[in-house]
Amino acid sequence: MSDTLQKLYTKFRPLASCIAGVSFITLTLMQRHFGFALILVMLFWLPWLFYSIYIMGRHPPQRTLRGAKIAIWLTGFAIIIAGHIWMASVARQYANQAVASIEQYRQEKGHYPPDSATAGLSRQWLRKHLGTTAYGINEGKPYFVYASTYIVFDLESYDFSNGQWQHIND
């Protein structure tokens, strides 16, 4: 191993386990419907953070290492949050396209379609872009829902009467 690589290895070796742990947590929590688990991670991370801040105040030589670990964790959390915001935004765009197809059918035919396929929305398209969805007519009122991208059992529901999305908690 060259001298430069040896120095680099020696410098970052204390951070290797932190980087590996944050990478694992980030990749796991970035999965669709798994954003809620960030709260569970925080239950363990916050005491560690407070302890690290205490140690940084009492032992100045630890400041650089612990500060770097805190920065790595915060970067992982930012990636998780940004990823879930992006997934929710993309899903909402596709859901708006689905609602537009349903509304276009209503404008052309004078009534809501009996199912999503009649409105030109294939099951494959809905599954690919929105995951779990449901459309139908209940007591003369249409409903369209899809699974929330960040919480496993929550739904996003479109209210056709006022043209707004509503989040439904399980």
N, C-alpha and C. Protein backbone atom coordinates (compact mmCIF):
# COMPACT_ATOMS: atom_id res chain seq x y z
N MET A 1 0.86 -1.17 0.00
CA MET A 1 0.00 0.00 0.00
C MET A 1 0.91 1.23 0.00
N SER A 2 0.55 2.19 -0.83
CA SER A 2 1.38 3.40 -0.91
C SER A 2 1.24 4.22 0.37
N ASP A 3 2.18 5.12 0.55
CA ASP A 3 2.20 5.96 1.75
C ASP A 3 0.95 6.84 1.84
N THR A 4 0.50 7.36 0.70
CA THR A 4 -0.68 8.23 0.67
C THR A 4 -1.93 7.45 1.06
N LEU A 5 -2.08 6.25 0.51
CA LEU A 5 -3.24 5.42 0.88
C LEU A 5 -3.19 5.02 2.34
N GLN A 6 -2.02 4.74 2.84
CA GLN A 6 -1.88 4.37 4.25
C GLN A 6 -2.32 5.52 5.15
N LYS A 7 -1.93 6.74 4.81
CA LYS A 7 -2.32 7.92 5.60
C LYS A 7 -3.84 8.13 5.53
N LEU A 8 -4.40 7.96 4.33
CA LEU A 8 -5.83 8.13 4.15
C LEU A 8 -6.59 7.06 4.96
N TYR A 9 -6.12 5.82 4.89
CA TYR A 9 -6.73 4.73 5.65
C TYR A 9 -6.68 5.01 7.15
N THR A 10 -5.54 5.44 7.62
CA THR A 10 -5.37 5.73 9.04
C THR A 10 -6.28 6.87 9.48
N LYS A 11 -6.44 7.85 8.62
CA LYS A 11 -7.25 9.03 8.97
C LYS A 11 -8.74 8.68 9.05
N PHE A 12 -9.24 7.84 8.12
CA PHE A 12 -10.67 7.57 8.05
C PHE A 12 -11.09 6.26 8.73
N ARG A 13 -10.16 5.50 9.23
CA ARG A 13 -10.49 4.23 9.88
C ARG A 13 -11.43 4.42 11.07
N PRO A 14 -11.25 5.43 11.92
CA PRO A 14 -12.19 5.61 13.04
C PRO A 14 -13.62 5.94 12.59
N LEU A 15 -13.78 6.39 11.36
CA LEU A 15 -15.11 6.73 10.85
C LEU A 15 -15.76 5.60 10.06
N ALA A 16 -15.01 4.53 9.81
CA ALA A 16 -15.50 3.45 8.94
C ALA A 16 -16.79 2.83 9.46
N SER A 17 -16.85 2.52 10.74
CA SER A 17 -18.06 1.89 11.28
C SER A 17 -19.24 2.85 11.24
N CYS A 18 -18.98 4.12 11.47
CA CYS A 18 -20.05 5.13 11.40
C CYS A 18 -20.58 5.24 9.97
N ILE A 19 -19.66 5.30 9.01
CA ILE A 19 -20.07 5.40 7.61
C ILE A 19 -20.85 4.16 7.19
N ALA A 20 -20.40 2.98 7.61
CA ALA A 20 -21.10 1.74 7.27
C ALA A 20 -22.50 1.72 7.90
N GLY A 21 -22.60 2.10 9.17
CA GLY A 21 -23.90 2.12 9.84
C GLY A 21 -24.87 3.12 9.23
N VAL A 22 -24.38 4.31 8.95
CA VAL A 22 -25.24 5.33 8.34
C VAL A 22 -25.66 4.91 6.94
N SER A 23 -24.76 4.30 6.20
CA SER A 23 -25.10 3.83 4.85
C SER A 23 -26.20 2.78 4.91
N PHE A 24 -26.07 1.83 5.83
CA PHE A 24 -27.09 0.79 5.98
C PHE A 24 -28.44 1.40 6.37
N ILE A 25 -28.45 2.27 7.36
CA ILE A 25 -29.69 2.90 7.81
C ILE A 25 -30.30 3.73 6.69
N THR A 26 -29.48 4.48 5.98
CA THR A 26 -29.98 5.33 4.90
C THR A 26 -30.60 4.49 3.79
N LEU A 27 -29.91 3.45 3.36
CA LEU A 27 -30.45 2.60 2.29
C LEU A 27 -31.72 1.88 2.73
N THR A 28 -31.78 1.49 3.99
CA THR A 28 -32.97 0.81 4.50
C THR A 28 -34.16 1.76 4.58
N LEU A 29 -33.95 2.93 5.15
CA LEU A 29 -35.06 3.87 5.36
C LEU A 29 -35.47 4.61 4.10
N MET A 30 -34.68 4.51 3.05
CA MET A 30 -35.04 5.15 1.78
C MET A 30 -36.07 4.33 1.00
N GLN A 31 -36.40 3.15 1.49
CA GLN A 31 -37.37 2.31 0.79
C GLN A 31 -38.76 2.91 0.94
N ARG A 32 -39.56 2.72 -0.08
CA ARG A 32 -40.93 3.21 -0.08
C ARG A 32 -41.68 2.68 1.15
N HIS A 33 -42.46 3.50 1.77
CA HIS A 33 -43.28 3.20 2.96
C HIS A 33 -42.45 3.02 4.23
N PHE A 34 -41.18 3.37 4.24
CA PHE A 34 -40.35 3.10 5.41
C PHE A 34 -39.81 4.36 6.07
N GLY A 35 -40.27 5.53 5.65
CA GLY A 35 -39.78 6.77 6.24
C GLY A 35 -40.12 6.93 7.71
N PHE A 36 -41.22 6.33 8.14
CA PHE A 36 -41.64 6.44 9.54
C PHE A 36 -40.59 5.87 10.49
N ALA A 37 -39.78 4.93 10.01
CA ALA A 37 -38.80 4.28 10.88
C ALA A 37 -37.70 5.25 11.31
N LEU A 38 -37.61 6.40 10.67
CA LEU A 38 -36.63 7.40 11.09
C LEU A 38 -36.88 7.81 12.54
N ILE A 39 -38.12 7.83 12.95
CA ILE A 39 -38.45 8.16 14.34
C ILE A 39 -37.85 7.12 15.29
N LEU A 40 -37.91 5.86 14.90
CA LEU A 40 -37.33 4.80 15.73
C LEU A 40 -35.81 4.95 15.83
N VAL A 41 -35.18 5.29 14.73
CA VAL A 41 -33.73 5.50 14.74
C VAL A 41 -33.39 6.67 15.65
N MET A 42 -34.20 7.72 15.61
CA MET A 42 -33.95 8.90 16.44
C MET A 42 -34.01 8.58 17.93
N LEU A 43 -34.84 7.60 18.31
CA LEU A 43 -34.92 7.22 19.72
C LEU A 43 -33.57 6.74 20.26
N PHE A 44 -32.78 6.13 19.39
CA PHE A 44 -31.46 5.66 19.80
C PHE A 44 -30.38 6.69 19.51
N TRP A 45 -30.59 7.48 18.46
CA TRP A 45 -29.55 8.42 18.03
C TRP A 45 -29.48 9.65 18.95
N LEU A 46 -30.61 10.17 19.38
CA LEU A 46 -30.59 11.39 20.20
C LEU A 46 -29.82 11.24 21.51
N PRO A 47 -30.00 10.15 22.27
CA PRO A 47 -29.15 10.01 23.47
C PRO A 47 -27.66 9.96 23.11
N TRP A 48 -27.32 9.27 22.02
CA TRP A 48 -25.93 9.23 21.58
C TRP A 48 -25.44 10.64 21.23
N LEU A 49 -26.29 11.43 20.57
CA LEU A 49 -25.93 12.81 20.21
C LEU A 49 -25.65 13.64 21.46
N PHE A 50 -26.53 13.58 22.44
CA PHE A 50 -26.33 14.36 23.66
C PHE A 50 -25.07 13.91 24.41
N TYR A 51 -24.85 12.61 24.42
CA TYR A 51 -23.64 12.10 25.06
C TYR A 51 -22.40 12.58 24.30
N SER A 52 -22.45 12.56 22.99
CA SER A 52 -21.31 13.01 22.18
C SER A 52 -21.03 14.49 22.40
N ILE A 53 -22.06 15.29 22.50
CA ILE A 53 -21.88 16.72 22.75
C ILE A 53 -21.24 16.93 24.13
N TYR A 54 -21.70 16.14 25.10
CA TYR A 54 -21.11 16.21 26.45
C TYR A 54 -19.62 15.85 26.39
N ILE A 55 -19.29 14.76 25.72
CA ILE A 55 -17.90 14.32 25.60
C ILE A 55 -17.07 15.37 24.86
N MET A 56 -17.63 15.97 23.83
CA MET A 56 -16.90 17.00 23.08
C MET A 56 -16.56 18.19 23.97
N GLY A 57 -17.45 18.52 24.90
CA GLY A 57 -17.20 19.62 25.82
C GLY A 57 -16.17 19.29 26.88
N ARG A 58 -16.17 18.04 27.34
CA ARG A 58 -15.27 17.63 28.42
C ARG A 58 -13.89 17.17 27.94
N HIS A 59 -13.82 16.68 26.70
CA HIS A 59 -12.57 16.13 26.17
C HIS A 59 -12.29 16.72 24.78
N PRO A 60 -11.63 17.86 24.73
CA PRO A 60 -11.38 18.54 23.44
C PRO A 60 -10.75 17.66 22.35
N PRO A 61 -9.87 16.70 22.67
CA PRO A 61 -9.32 15.87 21.57
C PRO A 61 -10.39 15.05 20.84
N GLN A 62 -11.55 14.83 21.45
CA GLN A 62 -12.63 14.04 20.84
C GLN A 62 -13.50 14.88 19.90
N ARG A 63 -13.34 16.18 19.90
CA ARG A 63 -14.24 17.06 19.14
C ARG A 63 -14.25 16.77 17.64
N THR A 64 -13.10 16.60 17.06
CA THR A 64 -13.03 16.40 15.61
C THR A 64 -13.70 15.09 15.20
N LEU A 65 -13.38 14.01 15.87
CA LEU A 65 -13.94 12.70 15.53
C LEU A 65 -15.45 12.67 15.77
N ARG A 66 -15.88 13.09 16.93
CA ARG A 66 -17.31 13.06 17.22
C ARG A 66 -18.09 14.05 16.36
N GLY A 67 -17.49 15.19 16.07
CA GLY A 67 -18.13 16.16 15.17
C GLY A 67 -18.30 15.59 13.77
N ALA A 68 -17.29 14.86 13.31
CA ALA A 68 -17.39 14.22 11.99
C ALA A 68 -18.49 13.15 11.98
N LYS A 69 -18.59 12.38 13.05
CA LYS A 69 -19.63 11.36 13.13
C LYS A 69 -21.03 11.99 13.15
N ILE A 70 -21.17 13.07 13.90
CA ILE A 70 -22.46 13.77 13.92
C ILE A 70 -22.80 14.28 12.53
N ALA A 71 -21.81 14.85 11.83
CA ALA A 71 -22.04 15.35 10.47
C ALA A 71 -22.44 14.22 9.52
N ILE A 72 -21.82 13.06 9.66
CA ILE A 72 -22.16 11.91 8.81
C ILE A 72 -23.61 11.48 9.05
N TRP A 73 -24.01 11.39 10.32
CA TRP A 73 -25.39 11.02 10.65
C TRP A 73 -26.38 12.06 10.12
N LEU A 74 -26.09 13.33 10.31
CA LEU A 74 -27.00 14.37 9.83
C LEU A 74 -27.13 14.34 8.31
N THR A 75 -26.04 14.03 7.63
CA THR A 75 -26.09 13.90 6.17
C THR A 75 -26.99 12.74 5.77
N GLY A 76 -26.86 11.61 6.45
CA GLY A 76 -27.74 10.47 6.18
C GLY A 76 -29.20 10.80 6.41
N PHE A 77 -29.49 11.49 7.51
CA PHE A 77 -30.88 11.88 7.79
C PHE A 77 -31.41 12.83 6.72
N ALA A 78 -30.58 13.76 6.28
CA ALA A 78 -31.00 14.71 5.23
C ALA A 78 -31.31 13.96 3.93
N ILE A 79 -30.51 12.97 3.61
CA ILE A 79 -30.75 12.18 2.40
C ILE A 79 -32.07 11.42 2.51
N ILE A 80 -32.33 10.83 3.65
CA ILE A 80 -33.58 10.09 3.87
C ILE A 80 -34.78 11.01 3.72
N ILE A 81 -34.73 12.15 4.39
CA ILE A 81 -35.86 13.09 4.35
C ILE A 81 -36.06 13.63 2.93
N ALA A 82 -34.98 14.03 2.28
CA ALA A 82 -35.09 14.55 0.91
C ALA A 82 -35.62 13.48 -0.04
N GLY A 83 -35.17 12.25 0.15
CA GLY A 83 -35.64 11.16 -0.71
C GLY A 83 -37.13 10.92 -0.56
N HIS A 84 -37.62 10.95 0.66
CA HIS A 84 -39.05 10.72 0.87
C HIS A 84 -39.89 11.91 0.38
N ILE A 85 -39.38 13.10 0.51
CA ILE A 85 -40.09 14.26 -0.04
C ILE A 85 -40.17 14.13 -1.55
N TRP A 86 -39.09 13.71 -2.18
CA TRP A 86 -39.06 13.54 -3.63
C TRP A 86 -40.03 12.43 -4.06
N MET A 87 -40.01 11.28 -3.36
CA MET A 87 -40.92 10.18 -3.71
C MET A 87 -42.38 10.60 -3.58
N ALA A 88 -42.70 11.34 -2.52
CA ALA A 88 -44.07 11.80 -2.32
C ALA A 88 -44.48 12.78 -3.42
N SER A 89 -43.56 13.64 -3.82
CA SER A 89 -43.85 14.61 -4.87
C SER A 89 -44.10 13.93 -6.22
N VAL A 90 -43.26 12.97 -6.55
CA VAL A 90 -43.42 12.24 -7.81
C VAL A 90 -44.72 11.44 -7.80
N ALA A 91 -45.02 10.78 -6.69
CA ALA A 91 -46.27 10.02 -6.60
C ALA A 91 -47.48 10.94 -6.74
N ARG A 92 -47.41 12.12 -6.15
CA ARG A 92 -48.52 13.07 -6.26
C ARG A 92 -48.71 13.52 -7.71
N GLN A 93 -47.61 13.72 -8.44
CA GLN A 93 -47.72 14.10 -9.86
C GLN A 93 -48.44 13.01 -10.65
N TYR A 94 -48.07 11.75 -10.42
CA TYR A 94 -48.75 10.65 -11.11
C TYR A 94 -50.20 10.54 -10.67
N ALA A 95 -50.47 10.74 -9.40
CA ALA A 95 -51.84 10.69 -8.90
C ALA A 95 -52.68 11.80 -9.53
N ASN A 96 -52.08 12.97 -9.69
CA ASN A 96 -52.80 14.07 -10.35
C ASN A 96 -53.11 13.73 -11.80
N GLN A 97 -52.21 13.01 -12.47
CA GLN A 97 -52.49 12.57 -13.84
C GLN A 97 -53.66 11.59 -13.86
N ALA A 98 -53.71 10.69 -12.88
CA ALA A 98 -54.81 9.74 -12.80
C ALA A 98 -56.13 10.46 -12.55
N VAL A 99 -56.13 11.42 -11.64
CA VAL A 99 -57.34 12.19 -11.36
C VAL A 99 -57.77 12.98 -12.59
N ALA A 100 -56.81 13.53 -13.32
CA ALA A 100 -57.13 14.28 -14.54
C ALA A 100 -57.80 13.38 -15.57
N SER A 101 -57.35 12.13 -15.68
CA SER A 101 -57.99 11.18 -16.61
C SER A 101 -59.42 10.88 -16.19
N ILE A 102 -59.62 10.72 -14.90
CA ILE A 102 -60.96 10.46 -14.39
C ILE A 102 -61.87 11.67 -14.63
N GLU A 103 -61.35 12.85 -14.36
CA GLU A 103 -62.14 14.08 -14.58
C GLU A 103 -62.42 14.32 -16.06
N GLN A 104 -61.47 13.99 -16.91
CA GLN A 104 -61.68 14.15 -18.36
C GLN A 104 -62.80 13.22 -18.82
N TYR A 105 -62.81 12.01 -18.33
CA TYR A 105 -63.87 11.06 -18.65
C TYR A 105 -65.23 11.63 -18.21
N ARG A 106 -65.27 12.19 -17.00
CA ARG A 106 -66.53 12.77 -16.49
C ARG A 106 -67.01 13.92 -17.36
N GLN A 107 -66.08 14.76 -17.80
CA GLN A 107 -66.46 15.89 -18.66
C GLN A 107 -66.97 15.42 -20.02
N GLU A 108 -66.36 14.39 -20.56
CA GLU A 108 -66.77 13.88 -21.87
C GLU A 108 -68.07 13.09 -21.82
N LYS A 109 -68.26 12.27 -20.78
CA LYS A 109 -69.41 11.36 -20.71
C LYS A 109 -70.53 11.86 -19.80
N GLY A 110 -70.23 12.81 -18.93
CA GLY A 110 -71.24 13.32 -18.03
C GLY A 110 -71.37 12.56 -16.72
N HIS A 111 -70.58 11.54 -16.53
CA HIS A 111 -70.59 10.79 -15.27
C HIS A 111 -69.18 10.22 -15.04
N TYR A 112 -68.93 9.82 -13.82
CA TYR A 112 -67.62 9.26 -13.51
C TYR A 112 -67.52 7.84 -14.04
N PRO A 113 -66.32 7.42 -14.41
CA PRO A 113 -66.16 6.05 -14.93
C PRO A 113 -66.42 5.03 -13.83
N PRO A 114 -66.94 3.86 -14.20
CA PRO A 114 -67.21 2.83 -13.18
C PRO A 114 -65.94 2.22 -12.59
N ASP A 115 -64.84 2.25 -13.35
CA ASP A 115 -63.57 1.74 -12.84
C ASP A 115 -62.43 2.52 -13.48
N SER A 116 -61.23 2.34 -12.98
CA SER A 116 -60.09 3.11 -13.46
C SER A 116 -59.71 2.74 -14.89
N ALA A 117 -59.90 1.49 -15.29
CA ALA A 117 -59.56 1.07 -16.65
C ALA A 117 -60.42 1.79 -17.69
N THR A 118 -61.67 2.05 -17.35
CA THR A 118 -62.57 2.76 -18.26
C THR A 118 -62.08 4.19 -18.50
N ALA A 119 -61.39 4.76 -17.52
CA ALA A 119 -60.84 6.11 -17.65
C ALA A 119 -59.48 6.11 -18.35
N GLY A 120 -59.03 4.93 -18.79
CA GLY A 120 -57.76 4.84 -19.48
C GLY A 120 -56.56 4.61 -18.56
N LEU A 121 -56.81 4.20 -17.34
CA LEU A 121 -55.74 3.96 -16.37
C LEU A 121 -55.57 2.46 -16.19
N SER A 122 -54.53 1.91 -16.76
CA SER A 122 -54.31 0.47 -16.63
C SER A 122 -53.81 0.14 -15.23
N ARG A 123 -54.10 -1.08 -14.81
CA ARG A 123 -53.63 -1.53 -13.50
C ARG A 123 -52.11 -1.50 -13.42
N GLN A 124 -51.46 -1.86 -14.55
CA GLN A 124 -50.00 -1.86 -14.57
C GLN A 124 -49.44 -0.46 -14.37
N TRP A 125 -50.04 0.54 -15.03
CA TRP A 125 -49.57 1.92 -14.90
C TRP A 125 -49.75 2.40 -13.46
N LEU A 126 -50.92 2.15 -12.90
CA LEU A 126 -51.18 2.57 -11.52
C LEU A 126 -50.22 1.88 -10.55
N ARG A 127 -50.01 0.59 -10.74
CA ARG A 127 -49.12 -0.17 -9.85
C ARG A 127 -47.68 0.33 -9.96
N LYS A 128 -47.24 0.58 -11.18
CA LYS A 128 -45.86 1.02 -11.41
C LYS A 128 -45.59 2.38 -10.78
N HIS A 129 -46.52 3.31 -10.95
CA HIS A 129 -46.27 4.69 -10.53
C HIS A 129 -46.79 5.05 -9.14
N LEU A 130 -47.81 4.33 -8.67
CA LEU A 130 -48.41 4.69 -7.38
C LEU A 130 -48.43 3.56 -6.37
N GLY A 131 -48.11 2.38 -6.77
CA GLY A 131 -48.18 1.25 -5.85
C GLY A 131 -49.62 0.82 -5.65
N THR A 132 -50.04 0.74 -4.43
CA THR A 132 -51.40 0.31 -4.11
C THR A 132 -52.38 1.46 -4.33
N THR A 133 -53.40 1.23 -5.14
CA THR A 133 -54.40 2.26 -5.42
C THR A 133 -55.80 1.65 -5.35
N ALA A 134 -56.78 2.52 -5.25
CA ALA A 134 -58.18 2.08 -5.31
C ALA A 134 -59.00 3.21 -5.92
N TYR A 135 -59.87 2.85 -6.86
CA TYR A 135 -60.81 3.80 -7.43
C TYR A 135 -62.17 3.11 -7.51
N GLY A 136 -63.19 3.87 -7.27
CA GLY A 136 -64.54 3.34 -7.40
C GLY A 136 -65.56 4.42 -7.13
N ILE A 137 -66.81 4.01 -7.15
CA ILE A 137 -67.91 4.93 -6.87
C ILE A 137 -68.70 4.33 -5.72
N ASN A 138 -68.87 5.11 -4.67
CA ASN A 138 -69.60 4.66 -3.48
C ASN A 138 -70.74 5.64 -3.23
N GLU A 139 -71.96 5.16 -3.31
CA GLU A 139 -73.15 5.99 -3.11
C GLU A 139 -73.14 7.21 -4.04
N GLY A 140 -72.72 6.97 -5.28
CA GLY A 140 -72.72 8.03 -6.29
C GLY A 140 -71.53 8.97 -6.23
N LYS A 141 -70.65 8.78 -5.27
CA LYS A 141 -69.48 9.65 -5.13
C LYS A 141 -68.22 8.86 -5.47
N PRO A 142 -67.38 9.44 -6.33
CA PRO A 142 -66.14 8.72 -6.68
C PRO A 142 -65.09 8.86 -5.57
N TYR A 143 -64.21 7.89 -5.51
CA TYR A 143 -63.07 7.98 -4.61
C TYR A 143 -61.83 7.46 -5.34
N PHE A 144 -60.71 8.05 -5.02
CA PHE A 144 -59.42 7.60 -5.56
C PHE A 144 -58.40 7.73 -4.44
N VAL A 145 -57.74 6.64 -4.10
CA VAL A 145 -56.74 6.65 -3.04
C VAL A 145 -55.50 5.90 -3.50
N TYR A 146 -54.37 6.28 -2.94
CA TYR A 146 -53.14 5.53 -3.14
C TYR A 146 -52.36 5.52 -1.83
N ALA A 147 -51.48 4.54 -1.71
CA ALA A 147 -50.71 4.37 -0.48
C ALA A 147 -49.69 5.49 -0.34
N SER A 148 -49.59 6.03 0.86
CA SER A 148 -48.59 7.05 1.16
C SER A 148 -47.21 6.47 0.91
N THR A 149 -46.30 7.31 0.46
CA THR A 149 -44.96 6.80 0.13
C THR A 149 -44.05 6.69 1.35
N TYR A 150 -44.39 7.31 2.46
CA TYR A 150 -43.48 7.32 3.60
C TYR A 150 -43.99 6.60 4.83
N ILE A 151 -45.28 6.33 4.92
CA ILE A 151 -45.82 5.60 6.07
C ILE A 151 -46.62 4.42 5.53
N VAL A 152 -46.33 3.26 6.01
CA VAL A 152 -46.79 2.03 5.40
C VAL A 152 -48.31 1.88 5.32
N PHE A 153 -49.07 2.27 6.30
CA PHE A 153 -50.51 2.04 6.26
C PHE A 153 -51.34 3.30 6.01
N ASP A 154 -50.72 4.41 5.75
CA ASP A 154 -51.46 5.65 5.49
C ASP A 154 -51.81 5.77 4.02
N LEU A 155 -52.85 6.56 3.74
CA LEU A 155 -53.34 6.74 2.38
C LEU A 155 -53.41 8.21 2.02
N GLU A 156 -53.35 8.47 0.73
CA GLU A 156 -53.62 9.79 0.18
C GLU A 156 -54.92 9.65 -0.60
N SER A 157 -55.91 10.47 -0.29
CA SER A 157 -57.23 10.35 -0.89
C SER A 157 -57.61 11.66 -1.58
N TYR A 158 -58.18 11.54 -2.78
CA TYR A 158 -58.61 12.73 -3.52
C TYR A 158 -60.09 12.95 -3.29
N ASP A 159 -60.44 14.16 -2.89
CA ASP A 159 -61.83 14.55 -2.68
C ASP A 159 -62.31 15.23 -3.96
N PHE A 160 -63.11 14.53 -4.75
CA PHE A 160 -63.57 15.05 -6.04
C PHE A 160 -64.51 16.24 -5.87
N SER A 161 -65.19 16.36 -4.74
CA SER A 161 -66.14 17.45 -4.56
C SER A 161 -65.45 18.80 -4.38
N ASN A 162 -64.28 18.82 -3.73
CA ASN A 162 -63.58 20.11 -3.57
C ASN A 162 -62.21 20.14 -4.25
N GLY A 163 -61.85 19.07 -4.93
CA GLY A 163 -60.62 19.06 -5.71
C GLY A 163 -59.35 19.14 -4.90
N GLN A 164 -59.32 18.49 -3.72
CA GLN A 164 -58.14 18.54 -2.87
C GLN A 164 -57.74 17.14 -2.39
N TRP A 165 -56.46 17.00 -2.13
CA TRP A 165 -55.94 15.76 -1.57
C TRP A 165 -56.03 15.79 -0.06
N GLN A 166 -56.30 14.64 0.53
CA GLN A 166 -56.35 14.52 1.98
C GLN A 166 -55.49 13.34 2.40
N HIS A 167 -54.74 13.51 3.50
CA HIS A 167 -53.95 12.43 4.04
C HIS A 167 -54.79 11.70 5.07
N ILE A 168 -54.88 10.38 4.93
CA ILE A 168 -55.68 9.57 5.85
C ILE A 168 -54.75 8.69 6.68
N ASN A 169 -54.74 8.94 7.98
CA ASN A 169 -53.93 8.12 8.89
C ASN A 169 -54.62 6.81 9.17
N ASP A 170 -53.81 5.77 9.36
CA ASP A 170 -54.38 4.47 9.69
C ASP A 170 -54.81 4.45 11.14
